[in-house]
Structures are given as C-alpha cells and as structure tokens.
Amino acid sequence: MPKLKLIVCVMLLSLALSACTSKPSVQRPEPIPPPAWMMADPPPWRETLNRIIFISLNSLKHSRDNILV
C-alpha cells in the first residue's frame, strides 16, 4: 500500500510539474496603421451645420411667405 501511494504521488507530482513548465512566447502581430482619412484633421462641422440650418430657415421663411400670400 505505501508503494502504491508513492507511485500515485510521483505521478501526480510529475503531472503538476509538467503543467508548470513555461510555454514558448507567442509573437504579437504588428498593428495595422489607421487609414489616412482617420488621421486627417476633422472637418469644420459647426460651420457646415450652420449653413444647412441657415438655408433651411430661409427656405422655411420663403414657404411661409408664399402660403400667406
């Protein structure tokens, strides 16, 4: 019986030690650079939106004037 315990202990110890060995390092791939349009300065959204809203307000005023006439 003591011999069986010794064999089981040695087998478990060898399994545990083999699991603790260091793994080979994995090469990390180089990240893909972002596209050029992402790196460019952002467009002036505020000016663009102001022009759109201004045009919409003008057309709304003209349509109201035409309805009232």
PDB file of N, CA and C in Angstrom:
ATOM      1  N   MET A   1       0.820  -1.204   0.000  1.00  0.00           N
ATOM      2  CA  MET A   1       0.000   0.000   0.000  1.00  0.00           C
ATOM      3  C   MET A   1       0.859   1.261   0.000  1.00  0.00           C
ATOM      4  N   PRO A   2       1.917   1.317   0.832  1.00  0.00           N
ATOM      5  CA  PRO A   2       2.757   2.519   0.793  1.00  0.00           C
ATOM      6  C   PRO A   2       3.421   2.711  -0.569  1.00  0.00           C
ATOM      7  N   LYS A   3       3.721   1.590  -1.237  1.00  0.00           N
ATOM      8  CA  LYS A   3       4.343   1.705  -2.549  1.00  0.00           C
ATOM      9  C   LYS A   3       3.358   2.312  -3.557  1.00  0.00           C
ATOM     10  N   LEU A   4       2.089   1.940  -3.467  1.00  0.00           N
ATOM     11  CA  LEU A   4       1.059   2.489  -4.348  1.00  0.00           C
ATOM     12  C   LEU A   4       0.893   3.990  -4.115  1.00  0.00           C
ATOM     13  N   LYS A   5       0.909   4.393  -2.843  1.00  0.00           N
ATOM     14  CA  LYS A   5       0.802   5.825  -2.526  1.00  0.00           C
ATOM     15  C   LYS A   5       1.990   6.589  -3.099  1.00  0.00           C
ATOM     16  N   LEU A   6       3.166   5.980  -3.023  1.00  0.00           N
ATOM     17  CA  LEU A   6       4.366   6.624  -3.543  1.00  0.00           C
ATOM     18  C   LEU A   6       4.270   6.780  -5.064  1.00  0.00           C
ATOM     19  N   ILE A   7       3.798   5.757  -5.745  1.00  0.00           N
ATOM     20  CA  ILE A   7       3.662   5.816  -7.202  1.00  0.00           C
ATOM     21  C   ILE A   7       2.647   6.886  -7.603  1.00  0.00           C
ATOM     22  N   VAL A   8       1.507   6.916  -6.906  1.00  0.00           N
ATOM     23  CA  VAL A   8       0.489   7.924  -7.204  1.00  0.00           C
ATOM     24  C   VAL A   8       1.031   9.318  -6.943  1.00  0.00           C
ATOM     25  N   CYS A   9       1.760   9.479  -5.855  1.00  0.00           N
ATOM     26  CA  CYS A   9       2.336  10.787  -5.514  1.00  0.00           C
ATOM     27  C   CYS A   9       3.329  11.229  -6.583  1.00  0.00           C
ATOM     28  N   VAL A  10       4.185  10.318  -7.031  1.00  0.00           N
ATOM     29  CA  VAL A  10       5.179  10.651  -8.051  1.00  0.00           C
ATOM     30  C   VAL A  10       4.489  11.001  -9.366  1.00  0.00           C
ATOM     31  N   MET A  11       3.452  10.265  -9.720  1.00  0.00           N
ATOM     32  CA  MET A  11       2.739  10.549 -10.971  1.00  0.00           C
ATOM     33  C   MET A  11       2.049  11.913 -10.918  1.00  0.00           C
ATOM     34  N   LEU A  12       1.386  12.196  -9.801  1.00  0.00           N
ATOM     35  CA  LEU A  12       0.718  13.496  -9.669  1.00  0.00           C
ATOM     36  C   LEU A  12       1.727  14.635  -9.650  1.00  0.00           C
ATOM     37  N   LEU A  13       2.850  14.419  -8.977  1.00  0.00           N
ATOM     38  CA  LEU A  13       3.884  15.447  -8.922  1.00  0.00           C
ATOM     39  C   LEU A  13       4.462  15.701 -10.313  1.00  0.00           C
ATOM     40  N   SER A  14       4.691  14.635 -11.067  1.00  0.00           N
ATOM     41  CA  SER A  14       5.236  14.814 -12.419  1.00  0.00           C
ATOM     42  C   SER A  14       4.227  15.530 -13.327  1.00  0.00           C
ATOM     43  N   LEU A  15       2.936  15.223 -13.176  1.00  0.00           N
ATOM     44  CA  LEU A  15       1.917  15.927 -13.955  1.00  0.00           C
ATOM     45  C   LEU A  15       1.859  17.404 -13.582  1.00  0.00           C
ATOM     46  N   ALA A  16       1.935  17.678 -12.293  1.00  0.00           N
ATOM     47  CA  ALA A  16       1.877  19.069 -11.838  1.00  0.00           C
ATOM     48  C   ALA A  16       3.088  19.849 -12.327  1.00  0.00           C
ATOM     49  N   LEU A  17       4.257  19.239 -12.256  1.00  0.00           N
ATOM     50  CA  LEU A  17       5.465  19.938 -12.698  1.00  0.00           C
ATOM     51  C   LEU A  17       5.482  20.128 -14.210  1.00  0.00           C
ATOM     52  N   SER A  18       4.959  19.175 -14.949  1.00  0.00           N
ATOM     53  CA  SER A  18       4.944  19.333 -16.406  1.00  0.00           C
ATOM     54  C   SER A  18       3.959  20.426 -16.821  1.00  0.00           C
ATOM     55  N   ALA A  19       2.913  20.628 -16.038  1.00  0.00           N
ATOM     56  CA  ALA A  19       1.954  21.689 -16.345  1.00  0.00           C
ATOM     57  C   ALA A  19       2.517  23.062 -16.014  1.00  0.00           C
ATOM     58  N   CYS A  20       3.495  23.126 -15.126  1.00  0.00           N
ATOM     59  CA  CYS A  20       4.057  24.411 -14.708  1.00  0.00           C
ATOM     60  C   CYS A  20       5.209  24.867 -15.585  1.00  0.00           C
ATOM     61  N   THR A  21       5.600  24.074 -16.557  1.00  0.00           N
ATOM     62  CA  THR A  21       6.718  24.494 -17.399  1.00  0.00           C
ATOM     63  C   THR A  21       6.312  25.701 -18.227  1.00  0.00           C
ATOM     64  N   SER A  22       7.295  26.501 -18.564  1.00  0.00           N
ATOM     65  CA  SER A  22       6.990  27.733 -19.303  1.00  0.00           C
ATOM     66  C   SER A  22       6.655  27.407 -20.754  1.00  0.00           C
ATOM     67  N   LYS A  23       5.720  28.119 -21.267  1.00  0.00           N
ATOM     68  CA  LYS A  23       5.280  27.949 -22.649  1.00  0.00           C
ATOM     69  C   LYS A  23       6.142  28.838 -23.553  1.00  0.00           C
ATOM     70  N   PRO A  24       6.307  28.463 -24.804  1.00  0.00           N
ATOM     71  CA  PRO A  24       7.056  29.342 -25.707  1.00  0.00           C
ATOM     72  C   PRO A  24       6.292  30.649 -25.928  1.00  0.00           C
ATOM     73  N   SER A  25       7.037  31.724 -26.038  1.00  0.00           N
ATOM     74  CA  SER A  25       6.384  33.023 -26.199  1.00  0.00           C
ATOM     75  C   SER A  25       5.752  33.126 -27.587  1.00  0.00           C
ATOM     76  N   VAL A  26       4.644  33.817 -27.642  1.00  0.00           N
ATOM     77  CA  VAL A  26       3.897  33.985 -28.888  1.00  0.00           C
ATOM     78  C   VAL A  26       4.264  35.328 -29.491  1.00  0.00           C
ATOM     79  N   GLN A  27       4.524  35.330 -30.785  1.00  0.00           N
ATOM     80  CA  GLN A  27       4.841  36.578 -31.471  1.00  0.00           C
ATOM     81  C   GLN A  27       3.573  37.401 -31.628  1.00  0.00           C
ATOM     82  N   ARG A  28       3.647  38.652 -31.203  1.00  0.00           N
ATOM     83  CA  ARG A  28       2.498  39.546 -31.324  1.00  0.00           C
ATOM     84  C   ARG A  28       2.538  40.208 -32.697  1.00  0.00           C
ATOM     85  N   PRO A  29       1.454  40.125 -33.467  1.00  0.00           N
ATOM     86  CA  PRO A  29       1.474  40.752 -34.797  1.00  0.00           C
ATOM     87  C   PRO A  29       1.498  42.274 -34.677  1.00  0.00           C
ATOM     88  N   GLU A  30       2.131  42.891 -35.648  1.00  0.00           N
ATOM     89  CA  GLU A  30       2.188  44.354 -35.672  1.00  0.00           C
ATOM     90  C   GLU A  30       0.795  44.903 -35.964  1.00  0.00           C
ATOM     91  N   PRO A  31       0.363  45.939 -35.237  1.00  0.00           N
ATOM     92  CA  PRO A  31      -0.958  46.510 -35.513  1.00  0.00           C
ATOM     93  C   PRO A  31      -0.968  47.217 -36.866  1.00  0.00           C
ATOM     94  N   ILE A  32      -2.097  47.138 -37.528  1.00  0.00           N
ATOM     95  CA  ILE A  32      -2.252  47.781 -38.835  1.00  0.00           C
ATOM     96  C   ILE A  32      -2.405  49.285 -38.605  1.00  0.00           C
ATOM     97  N   PRO A  33      -1.640  50.102 -39.334  1.00  0.00           N
ATOM     98  CA  PRO A  33      -1.790  51.552 -39.145  1.00  0.00           C
ATOM     99  C   PRO A  33      -3.173  52.011 -39.593  1.00  0.00           C
ATOM    100  N   PRO A  34      -3.706  53.046 -38.952  1.00  0.00           N
ATOM    101  CA  PRO A  34      -5.040  53.529 -39.326  1.00  0.00           C
ATOM    102  C   PRO A  34      -5.016  54.167 -40.710  1.00  0.00           C
ATOM    103  N   PRO A  35      -6.154  54.193 -41.390  1.00  0.00           N
ATOM    104  CA  PRO A  35      -6.208  54.821 -42.713  1.00  0.00           C
ATOM    105  C   PRO A  35      -5.924  56.318 -42.626  1.00  0.00           C
ATOM    106  N   ALA A  36      -5.517  56.880 -43.738  1.00  0.00           N
ATOM    107  CA  ALA A  36      -5.129  58.296 -43.771  1.00  0.00           C
ATOM    108  C   ALA A  36      -6.292  59.209 -43.425  1.00  0.00           C
ATOM    109  N   TRP A  37      -7.516  58.866 -43.829  1.00  0.00           N
ATOM    110  CA  TRP A  37      -8.650  59.747 -43.557  1.00  0.00           C
ATOM    111  C   TRP A  37      -8.935  59.841 -42.065  1.00  0.00           C
ATOM    112  N   MET A  38      -8.544  58.822 -41.307  1.00  0.00           N
ATOM    113  CA  MET A  38      -8.754  58.891 -39.860  1.00  0.00           C
ATOM    114  C   MET A  38      -7.726  59.812 -39.198  1.00  0.00           C
ATOM    115  N   MET A  39      -6.568  59.947 -39.815  1.00  0.00           N
ATOM    116  CA  MET A  39      -5.511  60.763 -39.237  1.00  0.00           C
ATOM    117  C   MET A  39      -5.633  62.231 -39.639  1.00  0.00           C
ATOM    118  N   ALA A  40      -6.468  62.542 -40.613  1.00  0.00           N
ATOM    119  CA  ALA A  40      -6.625  63.929 -41.072  1.00  0.00           C
ATOM    120  C   ALA A  40      -7.396  64.739 -40.032  1.00  0.00           C
ATOM    121  N   ASP A  41      -7.252  66.052 -40.113  1.00  0.00           N
ATOM    122  CA  ASP A  41      -7.987  66.932 -39.207  1.00  0.00           C
ATOM    123  C   ASP A  41      -9.483  66.806 -39.472  1.00  0.00           C
ATOM    124  N   PRO A  42     -10.291  66.901 -38.436  1.00  0.00           N
ATOM    125  CA  PRO A  42     -11.739  66.777 -38.651  1.00  0.00           C
ATOM    126  C   PRO A  42     -12.280  67.985 -39.408  1.00  0.00           C
ATOM    127  N   PRO A  43     -13.312  67.793 -40.199  1.00  0.00           N
ATOM    128  CA  PRO A  43     -13.892  68.919 -40.943  1.00  0.00           C
ATOM    129  C   PRO A  43     -14.621  69.867 -39.994  1.00  0.00           C
ATOM    130  N   PRO A  44     -14.813  71.110 -40.406  1.00  0.00           N
ATOM    131  CA  PRO A  44     -15.499  72.083 -39.551  1.00  0.00           C
ATOM    132  C   PRO A  44     -17.005  71.818 -39.532  1.00  0.00           C
ATOM    133  N   TRP A  45     -17.444  70.917 -38.694  1.00  0.00           N
ATOM    134  CA  TRP A  45     -18.855  70.515 -38.654  1.00  0.00           C
ATOM    135  C   TRP A  45     -19.783  71.653 -38.247  1.00  0.00           C
ATOM    136  N   ARG A  46     -19.304  72.496 -37.360  1.00  0.00           N
ATOM    137  CA  ARG A  46     -20.172  73.579 -36.887  1.00  0.00           C
ATOM    138  C   ARG A  46     -20.526  74.525 -38.029  1.00  0.00           C
ATOM    139  N   GLU A  47     -19.539  74.868 -38.837  1.00  0.00           N
ATOM    140  CA  GLU A  47     -19.818  75.766 -39.969  1.00  0.00           C
ATOM    141  C   GLU A  47     -20.750  75.099 -40.973  1.00  0.00           C
ATOM    142  N   THR A  48     -20.518  73.834 -41.247  1.00  0.00           N
ATOM    143  CA  THR A  48     -21.369  73.113 -42.199  1.00  0.00           C
ATOM    144  C   THR A  48     -22.797  73.041 -41.690  1.00  0.00           C
ATOM    145  N   LEU A  49     -22.972  72.710 -40.423  1.00  0.00           N
ATOM    146  CA  LEU A  49     -24.319  72.628 -39.859  1.00  0.00           C
ATOM    147  C   LEU A  49     -24.995  73.994 -39.830  1.00  0.00           C
ATOM    148  N   ASN A  50     -24.236  75.028 -39.525  1.00  0.00           N
ATOM    149  CA  ASN A  50     -24.821  76.374 -39.521  1.00  0.00           C
ATOM    150  C   ASN A  50     -25.317  76.756 -40.910  1.00  0.00           C
ATOM    151  N   ARG A  51     -24.564  76.388 -41.959  1.00  0.00           N
ATOM    152  CA  ARG A  51     -25.010  76.695 -43.318  1.00  0.00           C
ATOM    153  C   ARG A  51     -26.278  75.923 -43.659  1.00  0.00           C
ATOM    154  N   ILE A  52     -26.336  74.663 -43.268  1.00  0.00           N
ATOM    155  CA  ILE A  52     -27.529  73.854 -43.559  1.00  0.00           C
ATOM    156  C   ILE A  52     -28.741  74.421 -42.830  1.00  0.00           C
ATOM    157  N   ILE A  53     -28.572  74.736 -41.563  1.00  0.00           N
ATOM    158  CA  ILE A  53     -29.693  75.269 -40.781  1.00  0.00           C
ATOM    159  C   ILE A  53     -30.115  76.630 -41.323  1.00  0.00           C
ATOM    160  N   PHE A  54     -29.151  77.463 -41.695  1.00  0.00           N
ATOM    161  CA  PHE A  54     -29.462  78.781 -42.226  1.00  0.00           C
ATOM    162  C   PHE A  54     -30.253  78.656 -43.529  1.00  0.00           C
ATOM    163  N   ILE A  55     -29.833  77.753 -44.406  1.00  0.00           N
ATOM    164  CA  ILE A  55     -30.553  77.540 -45.670  1.00  0.00           C
ATOM    165  C   ILE A  55     -31.957  77.030 -45.380  1.00  0.00           C
ATOM    166  N   SER A  56     -32.081  76.120 -44.432  1.00  0.00           N
ATOM    167  CA  SER A  56     -33.400  75.577 -44.098  1.00  0.00           C
ATOM    168  C   SER A  56     -34.311  76.660 -43.540  1.00  0.00           C
ATOM    169  N   LEU A  57     -33.781  77.523 -42.694  1.00  0.00           N
ATOM    170  CA  LEU A  57     -34.597  78.595 -42.128  1.00  0.00           C
ATOM    171  C   LEU A  57     -35.049  79.566 -43.208  1.00  0.00           C
ATOM    172  N   ASN A  58     -34.141  79.881 -44.138  1.00  0.00           N
ATOM    173  CA  ASN A  58     -34.514  80.785 -45.235  1.00  0.00           C
ATOM    174  C   ASN A  58     -35.600  80.172 -46.100  1.00  0.00           C
ATOM    175  N   SER A  59     -35.467  78.913 -46.428  1.00  0.00           N
ATOM    176  CA  SER A  59     -36.486  78.276 -47.272  1.00  0.00           C
ATOM    177  C   SER A  59     -37.804  78.166 -46.520  1.00  0.00           C
ATOM    178  N   LEU A  60     -37.744  77.974 -45.213  1.00  0.00           N
ATOM    179  CA  LEU A  60     -38.963  77.909 -44.413  1.00  0.00           C
ATOM    180  C   LEU A  60     -39.656  79.272 -44.398  1.00  0.00           C
ATOM    181  N   LYS A  61     -38.879  80.351 -44.279  1.00  0.00           N
ATOM    182  CA  LYS A  61     -39.463  81.696 -44.287  1.00  0.00           C
ATOM    183  C   LYS A  61     -40.105  81.991 -45.636  1.00  0.00           C
ATOM    184  N   HIS A  62     -39.432  81.594 -46.731  1.00  0.00           N
ATOM    185  CA  HIS A  62     -39.989  81.827 -48.065  1.00  0.00           C
ATOM    186  C   HIS A  62     -41.257  81.015 -48.272  1.00  0.00           C
ATOM    187  N   SER A  63     -41.292  79.809 -47.772  1.00  0.00           N
ATOM    188  CA  SER A  63     -42.500  78.992 -47.949  1.00  0.00           C
ATOM    189  C   SER A  63     -43.653  79.563 -47.126  1.00  0.00           C
ATOM    190  N   ARG A  64     -43.372  80.118 -45.957  1.00  0.00           N
ATOM    191  CA  ARG A  64     -44.432  80.760 -45.159  1.00  0.00           C
ATOM    192  C   ARG A  64     -44.967  81.992 -45.885  1.00  0.00           C
ATOM    193  N   ASP A  65     -44.064  82.756 -46.478  1.00  0.00           N
ATOM    194  CA  ASP A  65     -44.488  83.955 -47.209  1.00  0.00           C
ATOM    195  C   ASP A  65     -45.376  83.577 -48.394  1.00  0.00           C
ATOM    196  N   ASN A  66     -45.040  82.500 -49.072  1.00  0.00           N
ATOM    197  CA  ASN A  66     -45.836  82.070 -50.230  1.00  0.00           C
ATOM    198  C   ASN A  66     -47.204  81.561 -49.795  1.00  0.00           C
ATOM    199  N   ILE A  67     -47.274  80.934 -48.638  1.00  0.00           N
ATOM    200  CA  ILE A  67     -48.558  80.416 -48.158  1.00  0.00           C
ATOM    201  C   ILE A  67     -49.467  81.569 -47.748  1.00  0.00           C
ATOM    202  N   LEU A  68     -48.909  82.582 -47.114  1.00  0.00           N
ATOM    203  CA  LEU A  68     -49.709  83.698 -46.624  1.00  0.00           C
ATOM    204  C   LEU A  68     -50.212  84.586 -47.756  1.00  0.00           C
ATOM    205  N   VAL A  69     -49.537  84.584 -48.888  1.00  0.00           N
ATOM    206  CA  VAL A  69     -49.933  85.466 -49.997  1.00  0.00           C
ATOM    207  C   VAL A  69     -51.121  84.949 -50.733  1.00  0.00           C
TER     208      VAL A  69
END
